[in-house]
Amino acid sequence: MNLDTDFIIASIKAEVVRIADGLDCDARDLQSDELIPASGYIDSAGLLEMIGWFEATFNFAIPAADLTIDNLGTMQAMAGYLRRVKGLG
């Protein structure tokens, strides 16, 4: 699987846009450094769905202690977290 930062961010954004679309929101303008929970594009259930998708897509489990804004708050943070977990940076 491609674990290039740009690919990871694009994949996350596509999923956020998909989830937001189900809530009648258009998240296409979401920036990679924008806080996803504060953006208003997805609700708390959508955040949980996104985290489940993230784990399943990239084949890893996120320990409860790692469920933080620093690790998962933005698309950039998520990409960096994944790359660290996978030993890529």
PDB file of N, CA and C in Angstrom:
ATOM      1  N   MET A   1       0.836  -1.182   0.000  1.00  0.00           N
ATOM      2  CA  MET A   1       0.000   0.000   0.000  1.00  0.00           C
ATOM      3  C   MET A   1       0.880   1.244   0.000  1.00  0.00           C
ATOM      4  N   ASN A   2       0.426   2.249  -0.707  1.00  0.00           N
ATOM      5  CA  ASN A   2       1.138   3.517  -0.794  1.00  0.00           C
ATOM      6  C   ASN A   2       0.983   4.281   0.512  1.00  0.00           C
ATOM      7  N   LEU A   3       2.096   4.564   1.188  1.00  0.00           N
ATOM      8  CA  LEU A   3       2.058   5.331   2.423  1.00  0.00           C
ATOM      9  C   LEU A   3       2.753   6.678   2.264  1.00  0.00           C
ATOM     10  N   ASP A   4       2.722   7.198   1.048  1.00  0.00           N
ATOM     11  CA  ASP A   4       3.201   8.542   0.775  1.00  0.00           C
ATOM     12  C   ASP A   4       2.242   9.535   1.446  1.00  0.00           C
ATOM     13  N   THR A   5       2.786  10.576   2.053  1.00  0.00           N
ATOM     14  CA  THR A   5       1.967  11.548   2.785  1.00  0.00           C
ATOM     15  C   THR A   5       0.845  12.120   1.921  1.00  0.00           C
ATOM     16  N   ASP A   6       1.149  12.504   0.696  1.00  0.00           N
ATOM     17  CA  ASP A   6       0.122  13.079  -0.180  1.00  0.00           C
ATOM     18  C   ASP A   6      -0.993  12.077  -0.474  1.00  0.00           C
ATOM     19  N   PHE A   7      -0.637  10.824  -0.683  1.00  0.00           N
ATOM     20  CA  PHE A   7      -1.642   9.785  -0.926  1.00  0.00           C
ATOM     21  C   PHE A   7      -2.526   9.590   0.300  1.00  0.00           C
ATOM     22  N   ILE A   8      -1.911   9.547   1.465  1.00  0.00           N
ATOM     23  CA  ILE A   8      -2.669   9.354   2.706  1.00  0.00           C
ATOM     24  C   ILE A   8      -3.658  10.505   2.896  1.00  0.00           C
ATOM     25  N   ILE A   9      -3.168  11.734   2.731  1.00  0.00           N
ATOM     26  CA  ILE A   9      -4.028  12.913   2.899  1.00  0.00           C
ATOM     27  C   ILE A   9      -5.171  12.891   1.893  1.00  0.00           C
ATOM     28  N   ALA A  10      -4.879  12.568   0.646  1.00  0.00           N
ATOM     29  CA  ALA A  10      -5.932  12.511  -0.381  1.00  0.00           C
ATOM     30  C   ALA A  10      -6.970  11.447  -0.040  1.00  0.00           C
ATOM     31  N   SER A  11      -6.531  10.315   0.481  1.00  0.00           N
ATOM     32  CA  SER A  11      -7.451   9.245   0.869  1.00  0.00           C
ATOM     33  C   SER A  11      -8.341   9.681   2.025  1.00  0.00           C
ATOM     34  N   ILE A  12      -7.738  10.322   3.020  1.00  0.00           N
ATOM     35  CA  ILE A  12      -8.510  10.809   4.175  1.00  0.00           C
ATOM     36  C   ILE A  12      -9.523  11.851   3.716  1.00  0.00           C
ATOM     37  N   LYS A  13      -9.080  12.778   2.879  1.00  0.00           N
ATOM     38  CA  LYS A  13      -9.987  13.826   2.415  1.00  0.00           C
ATOM     39  C   LYS A  13     -11.175  13.229   1.664  1.00  0.00           C
ATOM     40  N   ALA A  14     -10.919  12.254   0.819  1.00  0.00           N
ATOM     41  CA  ALA A  14     -12.007  11.608   0.080  1.00  0.00           C
ATOM     42  C   ALA A  14     -13.019  10.994   1.052  1.00  0.00           C
ATOM     43  N   GLU A  15     -12.536  10.401   2.118  1.00  0.00           N
ATOM     44  CA  GLU A  15     -13.438   9.791   3.093  1.00  0.00           C
ATOM     45  C   GLU A  15     -14.207  10.856   3.868  1.00  0.00           C
ATOM     46  N   VAL A  16     -13.544  11.932   4.270  1.00  0.00           N
ATOM     47  CA  VAL A  16     -14.238  13.015   4.970  1.00  0.00           C
ATOM     48  C   VAL A  16     -15.315  13.607   4.063  1.00  0.00           C
ATOM     49  N   VAL A  17     -14.989  13.825   2.807  1.00  0.00           N
ATOM     50  CA  VAL A  17     -15.965  14.369   1.845  1.00  0.00           C
ATOM     51  C   VAL A  17     -17.153  13.415   1.717  1.00  0.00           C
ATOM     52  N   ARG A  18     -16.881  12.113   1.653  1.00  0.00           N
ATOM     53  CA  ARG A  18     -17.952  11.123   1.543  1.00  0.00           C
ATOM     54  C   ARG A  18     -18.860  11.155   2.768  1.00  0.00           C
ATOM     55  N   ILE A  19     -18.259  11.174   3.953  1.00  0.00           N
ATOM     56  CA  ILE A  19     -19.046  11.197   5.190  1.00  0.00           C
ATOM     57  C   ILE A  19     -19.850  12.500   5.276  1.00  0.00           C
ATOM     58  N   ALA A  20     -19.201  13.607   4.979  1.00  0.00           N
ATOM     59  CA  ALA A  20     -19.876  14.913   5.039  1.00  0.00           C
ATOM     60  C   ALA A  20     -21.032  14.980   4.049  1.00  0.00           C
ATOM     61  N   ASP A  21     -20.840  14.385   2.882  1.00  0.00           N
ATOM     62  CA  ASP A  21     -21.900  14.378   1.878  1.00  0.00           C
ATOM     63  C   ASP A  21     -23.158  13.694   2.420  1.00  0.00           C
ATOM     64  N   GLY A  22     -22.970  12.657   3.198  1.00  0.00           N
ATOM     65  CA  GLY A  22     -24.094  11.969   3.815  1.00  0.00           C
ATOM     66  C   GLY A  22     -24.826  12.829   4.839  1.00  0.00           C
ATOM     67  N   LEU A  23     -24.155  13.889   5.293  1.00  0.00           N
ATOM     68  CA  LEU A  23     -24.760  14.825   6.242  1.00  0.00           C
ATOM     69  C   LEU A  23     -25.178  16.119   5.543  1.00  0.00           C
ATOM     70  N   ASP A  24     -25.238  16.073   4.214  1.00  0.00           N
ATOM     71  CA  ASP A  24     -25.584  17.237   3.391  1.00  0.00           C
ATOM     72  C   ASP A  24     -24.619  18.401   3.585  1.00  0.00           C
ATOM     73  N   CYS A  25     -23.342  18.088   3.745  1.00  0.00           N
ATOM     74  CA  CYS A  25     -22.289  19.101   3.848  1.00  0.00           C
ATOM     75  C   CYS A  25     -21.291  18.877   2.715  1.00  0.00           C
ATOM     76  N   ASP A  26     -20.697  19.950   2.263  1.00  0.00           N
ATOM     77  CA  ASP A  26     -19.679  19.878   1.210  1.00  0.00           C
ATOM     78  C   ASP A  26     -18.321  20.172   1.837  1.00  0.00           C
ATOM     79  N   ALA A  27     -17.519  19.147   2.035  1.00  0.00           N
ATOM     80  CA  ALA A  27     -16.229  19.277   2.706  1.00  0.00           C
ATOM     81  C   ALA A  27     -15.057  19.377   1.729  1.00  0.00           C
ATOM     82  N   ARG A  28     -15.343  19.617   0.465  1.00  0.00           N
ATOM     83  CA  ARG A  28     -14.257  19.654  -0.517  1.00  0.00           C
ATOM     84  C   ARG A  28     -13.241  20.751  -0.247  1.00  0.00           C
ATOM     85  N   ASP A  29     -13.627  21.804   0.469  1.00  0.00           N
ATOM     86  CA  ASP A  29     -12.705  22.899   0.761  1.00  0.00           C
ATOM     87  C   ASP A  29     -11.871  22.672   2.020  1.00  0.00           C
ATOM     88  N   LEU A  30     -12.069  21.551   2.697  1.00  0.00           N
ATOM     89  CA  LEU A  30     -11.312  21.254   3.911  1.00  0.00           C
ATOM     90  C   LEU A  30      -9.825  21.218   3.581  1.00  0.00           C
ATOM     91  N   GLN A  31      -9.041  21.957   4.347  1.00  0.00           N
ATOM     92  CA  GLN A  31      -7.591  22.021   4.152  1.00  0.00           C
ATOM     93  C   GLN A  31      -6.904  20.949   4.988  1.00  0.00           C
ATOM     94  N   SER A  32      -5.749  20.505   4.544  1.00  0.00           N
ATOM     95  CA  SER A  32      -5.064  19.397   5.208  1.00  0.00           C
ATOM     96  C   SER A  32      -4.624  19.726   6.631  1.00  0.00           C
ATOM     97  N   ASP A  33      -4.486  21.021   6.952  1.00  0.00           N
ATOM     98  CA  ASP A  33      -4.079  21.421   8.297  1.00  0.00           C
ATOM     99  C   ASP A  33      -5.244  21.950   9.138  1.00  0.00           C
ATOM    100  N   GLU A  34      -6.460  21.829   8.624  1.00  0.00           N
ATOM    101  CA  GLU A  34      -7.653  22.310   9.323  1.00  0.00           C
ATOM    102  C   GLU A  34      -8.153  21.243  10.294  1.00  0.00           C
ATOM    103  N   LEU A  35      -8.511  21.658  11.506  1.00  0.00           N
ATOM    104  CA  LEU A  35      -9.022  20.708  12.491  1.00  0.00           C
ATOM    105  C   LEU A  35     -10.352  20.127  12.020  1.00  0.00           C
ATOM    106  N   ILE A  36     -10.367  18.841  11.810  1.00  0.00           N
ATOM    107  CA  ILE A  36     -11.565  18.175  11.304  1.00  0.00           C
ATOM    108  C   ILE A  36     -12.730  18.291  12.290  1.00  0.00           C
ATOM    109  N   PRO A  37     -12.515  18.045  13.598  1.00  0.00           N
ATOM    110  CA  PRO A  37     -13.647  18.147  14.519  1.00  0.00           C
ATOM    111  C   PRO A  37     -14.235  19.567  14.603  1.00  0.00           C
ATOM    112  N   ALA A  38     -13.402  20.579  14.418  1.00  0.00           N
ATOM    113  CA  ALA A  38     -13.868  21.967  14.514  1.00  0.00           C
ATOM    114  C   ALA A  38     -14.420  22.501  13.199  1.00  0.00           C
ATOM    115  N   SER A  39     -14.251  21.750  12.127  1.00  0.00           N
ATOM    116  CA  SER A  39     -14.649  22.232  10.805  1.00  0.00           C
ATOM    117  C   SER A  39     -16.164  22.293  10.628  1.00  0.00           C
ATOM    118  N   GLY A  40     -16.883  21.458  11.373  1.00  0.00           N
ATOM    119  CA  GLY A  40     -18.332  21.404  11.235  1.00  0.00           C
ATOM    120  C   GLY A  40     -18.812  20.554  10.072  1.00  0.00           C
ATOM    121  N   TYR A  41     -17.890  19.944   9.346  1.00  0.00           N
ATOM    122  CA  TYR A  41     -18.282  19.135   8.194  1.00  0.00           C
ATOM    123  C   TYR A  41     -18.849  17.781   8.587  1.00  0.00           C
ATOM    124  N   ILE A  42     -18.319  17.199   9.678  1.00  0.00           N
ATOM    125  CA  ILE A  42     -18.829  15.907  10.120  1.00  0.00           C
ATOM    126  C   ILE A  42     -19.107  15.963  11.620  1.00  0.00           C
ATOM    127  N   ASP A  43     -20.042  15.150  12.056  1.00  0.00           N
ATOM    128  CA  ASP A  43     -20.412  15.113  13.464  1.00  0.00           C
ATOM    129  C   ASP A  43     -19.605  14.044  14.202  1.00  0.00           C
ATOM    130  N   SER A  44     -19.910  13.851  15.485  1.00  0.00           N
ATOM    131  CA  SER A  44     -19.134  12.892  16.277  1.00  0.00           C
ATOM    132  C   SER A  44     -19.254  11.470  15.744  1.00  0.00           C
ATOM    133  N   ALA A  45     -20.429  11.106  15.269  1.00  0.00           N
ATOM    134  CA  ALA A  45     -20.582   9.769  14.666  1.00  0.00           C
ATOM    135  C   ALA A  45     -19.729   9.663  13.405  1.00  0.00           C
ATOM    136  N   GLY A  46     -19.661  10.740  12.643  1.00  0.00           N
ATOM    137  CA  GLY A  46     -18.821  10.768  11.450  1.00  0.00           C
ATOM    138  C   GLY A  46     -17.347  10.647  11.792  1.00  0.00           C
ATOM    139  N   LEU A  47     -16.946  11.262  12.903  1.00  0.00           N
ATOM    140  CA  LEU A  47     -15.549  11.139  13.342  1.00  0.00           C
ATOM    141  C   LEU A  47     -15.218   9.695  13.686  1.00  0.00           C
ATOM    142  N   LEU A  48     -16.137   9.039  14.378  1.00  0.00           N
ATOM    143  CA  LEU A  48     -15.913   7.625  14.710  1.00  0.00           C
ATOM    144  C   LEU A  48     -15.858   6.777  13.449  1.00  0.00           C
ATOM    145  N   GLU A  49     -16.732   7.071  12.509  1.00  0.00           N
ATOM    146  CA  GLU A  49     -16.724   6.348  11.231  1.00  0.00           C
ATOM    147  C   GLU A  49     -15.398   6.557  10.507  1.00  0.00           C
ATOM    148  N   MET A  50     -14.904   7.795  10.517  1.00  0.00           N
ATOM    149  CA  MET A  50     -13.646   8.110   9.856  1.00  0.00           C
ATOM    150  C   MET A  50     -12.481   7.354  10.506  1.00  0.00           C
ATOM    151  N   ILE A  51     -12.469   7.304  11.829  1.00  0.00           N
ATOM    152  CA  ILE A  51     -11.388   6.601  12.525  1.00  0.00           C
ATOM    153  C   ILE A  51     -11.441   5.104  12.222  1.00  0.00           C
ATOM    154  N   GLY A  52     -12.638   4.528  12.213  1.00  0.00           N
ATOM    155  CA  GLY A  52     -12.778   3.108  11.849  1.00  0.00           C
ATOM    156  C   GLY A  52     -12.302   2.854  10.432  1.00  0.00           C
ATOM    157  N   TRP A  53     -12.675   3.745   9.521  1.00  0.00           N
ATOM    158  CA  TRP A  53     -12.226   3.627   8.129  1.00  0.00           C
ATOM    159  C   TRP A  53     -10.699   3.716   8.057  1.00  0.00           C
ATOM    160  N   PHE A  54     -10.118   4.661   8.786  1.00  0.00           N
ATOM    161  CA  PHE A  54      -8.665   4.879   8.791  1.00  0.00           C
ATOM    162  C   PHE A  54      -7.939   3.606   9.235  1.00  0.00           C
ATOM    163  N   GLU A  55      -8.414   3.002  10.306  1.00  0.00           N
ATOM    164  CA  GLU A  55      -7.801   1.767  10.793  1.00  0.00           C
ATOM    165  C   GLU A  55      -7.938   0.637   9.774  1.00  0.00           C
ATOM    166  N   ALA A  56      -9.127   0.474   9.226  1.00  0.00           N
ATOM    167  CA  ALA A  56      -9.370  -0.614   8.274  1.00  0.00           C
ATOM    168  C   ALA A  56      -8.604  -0.408   6.975  1.00  0.00           C
ATOM    169  N   THR A  57      -8.587   0.795   6.478  1.00  0.00           N
ATOM    170  CA  THR A  57      -7.932   1.084   5.203  1.00  0.00           C
ATOM    171  C   THR A  57      -6.431   0.877   5.272  1.00  0.00           C
ATOM    172  N   PHE A  58      -5.844   1.309   6.379  1.00  0.00           N
ATOM    173  CA  PHE A  58      -4.389   1.243   6.496  1.00  0.00           C
ATOM    174  C   PHE A  58      -3.928   0.088   7.384  1.00  0.00           C
ATOM    175  N   ASN A  59      -4.865  -0.794   7.744  1.00  0.00           N
ATOM    176  CA  ASN A  59      -4.575  -2.057   8.408  1.00  0.00           C
ATOM    177  C   ASN A  59      -3.745  -1.911   9.685  1.00  0.00           C
ATOM    178  N   PHE A  60      -4.302  -1.153  10.632  1.00  0.00           N
ATOM    179  CA  PHE A  60      -3.663  -1.036  11.936  1.00  0.00           C
ATOM    180  C   PHE A  60      -4.727  -0.633  12.953  1.00  0.00           C
ATOM    181  N   ALA A  61      -4.413  -0.814  14.228  1.00  0.00           N
ATOM    182  CA  ALA A  61      -5.330  -0.443  15.301  1.00  0.00           C
ATOM    183  C   ALA A  61      -4.750   0.738  16.061  1.00  0.00           C
ATOM    184  N   ILE A  62      -5.600   1.682  16.380  1.00  0.00           N
ATOM    185  CA  ILE A  62      -5.171   2.860  17.122  1.00  0.00           C
ATOM    186  C   ILE A  62      -5.457   2.618  18.597  1.00  0.00           C
ATOM    187  N   PRO A  63      -4.421   2.599  19.438  1.00  0.00           N
ATOM    188  CA  PRO A  63      -4.661   2.447  20.875  1.00  0.00           C
ATOM    189  C   PRO A  63      -5.454   3.646  21.409  1.00  0.00           C
ATOM    190  N   ALA A  64      -6.268   3.405  22.414  1.00  0.00           N
ATOM    191  CA  ALA A  64      -7.106   4.474  22.973  1.00  0.00           C
ATOM    192  C   ALA A  64      -6.276   5.689  23.373  1.00  0.00           C
ATOM    193  N   ALA A  65      -5.089   5.466  23.910  1.00  0.00           N
ATOM    194  CA  ALA A  65      -4.238   6.579  24.344  1.00  0.00           C
ATOM    195  C   ALA A  65      -3.800   7.464  23.180  1.00  0.00           C
ATOM    196  N   ASP A  66      -3.841   6.937  21.956  1.00  0.00           N
ATOM    197  CA  ASP A  66      -3.416   7.698  20.776  1.00  0.00           C
ATOM    198  C   ASP A  66      -4.561   8.454  20.102  1.00  0.00           C
ATOM    199  N   LEU A  67      -5.788   8.311  20.602  1.00  0.00           N
ATOM    200  CA  LEU A  67      -6.942   8.996  20.022  1.00  0.00           C
ATOM    201  C   LEU A  67      -6.959  10.449  20.505  1.00  0.00           C
ATOM    202  N   THR A  68      -6.047  11.239  19.947  1.00  0.00           N
ATOM    203  CA  THR A  68      -5.891  12.631  20.364  1.00  0.00           C
ATOM    204  C   THR A  68      -5.953  13.562  19.154  1.00  0.00           C
ATOM    205  N   ILE A  69      -6.201  14.829  19.424  1.00  0.00           N
ATOM    206  CA  ILE A  69      -6.189  15.851  18.377  1.00  0.00           C
ATOM    207  C   ILE A  69      -4.803  15.917  17.736  1.00  0.00           C
ATOM    208  N   ASP A  70      -3.760  15.761  18.545  1.00  0.00           N
ATOM    209  CA  ASP A  70      -2.393  15.818  18.007  1.00  0.00           C
ATOM    210  C   ASP A  70      -2.144  14.727  16.978  1.00  0.00           C
ATOM    211  N   ASN A  71      -2.735  13.568  17.162  1.00  0.00           N
ATOM    212  CA  ASN A  71      -2.541  12.449  16.231  1.00  0.00           C
ATOM    213  C   ASN A  71      -3.576  12.404  15.116  1.00  0.00           C
ATOM    214  N   LEU A  72      -4.811  12.815  15.405  1.00  0.00           N
ATOM    215  CA  LEU A  72      -5.905  12.581  14.472  1.00  0.00           C
ATOM    216  C   LEU A  72      -6.751  13.812  14.169  1.00  0.00           C
ATOM    217  N   GLY A  73      -6.322  14.983  14.598  1.00  0.00           N
ATOM    218  CA  GLY A  73      -7.142  16.179  14.452  1.00  0.00           C
ATOM    219  C   GLY A  73      -7.209  16.757  13.052  1.00  0.00           C
ATOM    220  N   THR A  74      -6.152  16.589  12.290  1.00  0.00           N
ATOM    221  CA  THR A  74      -6.107  17.104  10.919  1.00  0.00           C
ATOM    222  C   THR A  74      -5.670  15.983   9.984  1.00  0.00           C
ATOM    223  N   MET A  75      -5.861  16.208   8.716  1.00  0.00           N
ATOM    224  CA  MET A  75      -5.405  15.203   7.747  1.00  0.00           C
ATOM    225  C   MET A  75      -3.885  15.079   7.786  1.00  0.00           C
ATOM    226  N   GLN A  76      -3.185  16.200   7.955  1.00  0.00           N
ATOM    227  CA  GLN A  76      -1.720  16.155   8.064  1.00  0.00           C
ATOM    228  C   GLN A  76      -1.297  15.370   9.294  1.00  0.00           C
ATOM    229  N   ALA A  77      -1.966  15.620  10.423  1.00  0.00           N
ATOM    230  CA  ALA A  77      -1.637  14.906  11.657  1.00  0.00           C
ATOM    231  C   ALA A  77      -1.871  13.413  11.496  1.00  0.00           C
ATOM    232  N   MET A  78      -2.979  13.052  10.852  1.00  0.00           N
ATOM    233  CA  MET A  78      -3.293  11.637  10.641  1.00  0.00           C
ATOM    234  C   MET A  78      -2.234  10.970   9.773  1.00  0.00           C
ATOM    235  N   ALA A  79      -1.811  11.654   8.719  1.00  0.00           N
ATOM    236  CA  ALA A  79      -0.784  11.097   7.832  1.00  0.00           C
ATOM    237  C   ALA A  79       0.527  10.915   8.584  1.00  0.00           C
ATOM    238  N   GLY A  80       0.907  11.920   9.369  1.00  0.00           N
ATOM    239  CA  GLY A  80       2.140  11.816  10.153  1.00  0.00           C
ATOM    240  C   GLY A  80       2.074  10.703  11.177  1.00  0.00           C
ATOM    241  N   TYR A  81       0.931  10.590  11.848  1.00  0.00           N
ATOM    242  CA  TYR A  81       0.741   9.532  12.835  1.00  0.00           C
ATOM    243  C   TYR A  81       0.856   8.160  12.182  1.00  0.00           C
ATOM    244  N   LEU A  82       0.179   7.971  11.076  1.00  0.00           N
ATOM    245  CA  LEU A  82       0.231   6.684  10.378  1.00  0.00           C
ATOM    246  C   LEU A  82       1.658   6.349   9.965  1.00  0.00           C
ATOM    247  N   ARG A  83       2.357   7.310   9.416  1.00  0.00           N
ATOM    248  CA  ARG A  83       3.733   7.059   8.971  1.00  0.00           C
ATOM    249  C   ARG A  83       4.627   6.703  10.161  1.00  0.00           C
ATOM    250  N   ARG A  84       4.415   7.356  11.317  1.00  0.00           N
ATOM    251  CA  ARG A  84       5.206   7.015  12.522  1.00  0.00           C
ATOM    252  C   ARG A  84       4.891   5.605  12.981  1.00  0.00           C
ATOM    253  N   VAL A  85       3.601   5.262  13.029  1.00  0.00           N
ATOM    254  CA  VAL A  85       3.181   3.933  13.483  1.00  0.00           C
ATOM    255  C   VAL A  85       3.763   2.850  12.569  1.00  0.00           C
ATOM    256  N   LYS A  86       3.804   3.135  11.286  1.00  0.00           N
ATOM    257  CA  LYS A  86       4.315   2.161  10.311  1.00  0.00           C
ATOM    258  C   LYS A  86       5.832   2.226  10.184  1.00  0.00           C
ATOM    259  N   GLY A  87       6.479   3.082  10.994  1.00  0.00           N
ATOM    260  CA  GLY A  87       7.938   3.162  10.996  1.00  0.00           C
ATOM    261  C   GLY A  87       8.517   3.885   9.792  1.00  0.00           C
ATOM    262  N   LEU A  88       7.768   4.830   9.242  1.00  0.00           N
ATOM    263  CA  LEU A  88       8.216   5.540   8.046  1.00  0.00           C
ATOM    264  C   LEU A  88       8.585   6.992   8.322  1.00  0.00           C
ATOM    265  N   GLY A  89       8.581   7.397   9.545  1.00  0.00           N
ATOM    266  CA  GLY A  89       8.967   8.791   9.810  1.00  0.00           C
ATOM    267  C   GLY A  89       8.323   9.343  10.944  1.00  0.00           C
TER     268      GLY A  89
END
